[in-house]
């Protein structure tokens, strides 16, 4: 994944001001429509200061009300995990709203021991919903190192230690999964 080093968000579960700014600068233009399912205050502030049209939904249950906006949304932000929601239904609803050109950003903040399971499940559910991942961004606090991956271990010529007594220090962080509609699926 790409790594962004930013300070923590002002509120638990929200993006940092820096991460919100990097996201908008990298994936939108002034005047673009940004839909925020979970009312992230940092995204709202960054959108306001950069000329994006920000719309807060107050939860995923309001996604259906956006049906008339299908195809006009440039970025749709959803935080994960979500209480009592079918991920396939959520991703299919987001895919429908994006039309053929928008992007879905899922901000994942879970316990580090459950990170791989959540990211894998979201990748599978998104593919079934007609979305393809275009970027994975790990948003880490400044001065921290990302957890080593299997690829890092292979590059170093050693195998990662998965024994029960192995000590793994994984920095809690936010993963941004950025999806686009799969052109071959509708």
Foldseek 3Di string as FASTA:
>chain_A
DAEAADDCPPDPQARRLVVLLCVCVVQHAAAAEEEEACPRPSNVVNCVVRRYHYHYNNHLVRLVVCLVQACRHAEYEAEDDDPPDDLLVSLLSVLRRNHAHHKYKYKYFDDVVCVVVVVVVNCVSNVVSQKHWDDKYWYHHPPDDAWDDQVNQVVVVHGDDPDPPDDGDGGGTIIITMIGGNPVDD
